[in-house]
Protein backbone atom coordinates (compact mmCIF):
# COMPACT_ATOMS: atom_id res chain seq x y z
CA MET A 1 7.06 28.84 -8.89
CA THR A 2 6.30 32.06 -7.06
CA LYS A 3 4.53 32.09 -3.69
CA LYS A 4 1.32 33.21 -5.37
CA GLU A 5 1.47 30.34 -7.87
CA ILE A 6 2.19 27.83 -5.11
CA ASN A 7 -0.77 29.20 -3.14
CA ARG A 8 -3.09 28.78 -6.14
CA VAL A 9 -1.91 25.21 -6.70
CA ILE A 10 -2.31 24.23 -3.03
CA VAL A 11 -5.77 25.79 -2.73
CA GLY A 12 -6.87 24.28 -6.04
CA GLU A 13 -5.69 20.78 -5.15
CA PHE A 14 -7.23 21.07 -1.68
CA LEU A 15 -10.62 22.13 -3.08
CA ASP A 16 -10.57 19.36 -5.70
CA THR A 17 -9.74 16.76 -3.06
CA VAL A 18 -12.43 18.01 -0.67
CA GLN A 19 -15.07 17.95 -3.42
CA GLU A 20 -14.07 14.40 -4.29
CA LYS A 21 -13.82 12.97 -0.75
CA PHE A 22 -16.59 14.97 0.92
CA PRO A 23 -19.55 15.19 -1.48
CA GLN A 24 -21.88 16.02 1.43
CA TYR A 25 -20.35 19.52 1.66
CA GLU A 26 -21.14 22.43 -0.62
CA SER A 27 -18.38 25.01 -0.94
CA CYS A 28 -19.14 28.71 -0.70
CA ASP A 29 -16.48 31.33 -1.42
CA GLU A 30 -16.98 34.07 1.15
CA GLY A 31 -15.03 36.61 -0.93
CA ASP A 32 -12.89 37.53 2.06
CA GLY A 33 -10.18 34.92 1.73
CA ARG A 34 -12.24 32.13 3.25
CA ILE A 35 -14.17 29.23 1.81
CA SER A 36 -17.00 27.66 3.79
CA PHE A 37 -17.85 23.98 3.50
CA ILE A 38 -21.51 23.66 4.39
CA PRO A 39 -22.97 20.19 4.92
CA SER A 40 -26.12 19.52 2.94
CA TYR A 41 -27.48 17.53 5.88
CA THR A 42 -26.59 16.34 9.37
CA THR A 43 -27.13 12.81 10.64
CA ASP A 44 -27.85 13.74 14.24
CA GLY A 45 -30.46 16.48 13.75
CA SER A 46 -28.08 19.31 14.68
CA TRP A 47 -28.15 22.61 12.82
CA VAL A 48 -26.32 22.60 9.48
CA SER A 49 -24.81 26.03 10.23
CA ASP A 50 -23.26 24.69 13.44
CA ASN A 51 -21.38 22.12 11.38
CA THR A 52 -19.85 24.40 8.77
CA ILE A 53 -16.09 24.21 8.24
CA GLN A 54 -14.16 27.30 7.09
CA PHE A 55 -10.87 27.21 5.18
CA HIS A 56 -8.62 30.28 5.16
CA ARG A 57 -6.86 30.54 1.79
CA SER A 58 -3.66 32.33 2.78
CA ARG A 59 -3.05 30.80 6.22
CA TYR A 60 -4.15 27.29 5.16
CA THR A 61 -6.14 26.89 8.38
CA LEU A 62 -9.46 25.20 9.06
CA ASP A 63 -11.98 26.39 11.63
CA ALA A 64 -15.28 25.10 12.98
CA TYR A 65 -17.44 25.62 16.04
CA ASN A 66 -16.49 23.78 19.21
CA TRP A 67 -20.01 22.30 19.45
CA ARG A 68 -19.87 20.68 16.01
CA ASN A 69 -21.10 17.11 15.75
CA LYS A 70 -18.82 14.06 15.65
CA ASP A 71 -19.07 13.67 11.85
CA THR A 72 -17.92 17.25 11.28
CA LYS A 73 -15.11 16.79 13.80
CA LYS A 74 -13.91 13.69 11.94
CA ASP A 75 -14.12 15.48 8.59
CA LEU A 76 -12.24 18.49 9.99
CA VAL A 77 -9.37 16.27 11.13
CA GLU A 78 -9.26 14.53 7.74
CA MET A 79 -9.31 17.85 5.85
CA GLY A 80 -6.47 19.05 8.10
CA GLY A 81 -4.47 16.00 7.11
CA ILE A 82 -5.06 16.77 3.43
CA ILE A 83 -3.86 20.36 3.74
CA ASN A 84 -0.82 19.30 5.81
CA GLU A 85 0.10 16.76 3.15
CA LEU A 86 -0.11 19.44 0.44
CA LEU A 87 2.00 21.85 2.49
CA ARG A 88 4.70 19.17 2.86
CA LYS A 89 4.48 18.36 -0.85
CA TYR A 90 5.14 21.99 -1.82
CA ASN A 91 7.59 22.74 1.05
CA VAL A 92 5.46 25.50 2.55
């Protein structure tokens, strides 16, 4: 497979896994190489926008605000584990 094909497979599998394991997040393609995962609610009353997670398609990185709540922090770590597992699987 070419690098472009591998990238498509990794991103596709990552998005499928996130949709399956994290139904509380809606995905929004920013059109600039990033996908935002926006929670439909927060359990602690914090702002939804403060708890958004962004995934960068080509760098395979995840970002979120430092002041995110504990649920988002836990989800961010778990999503990071998913992407790392896919990167190992495809030797990237």
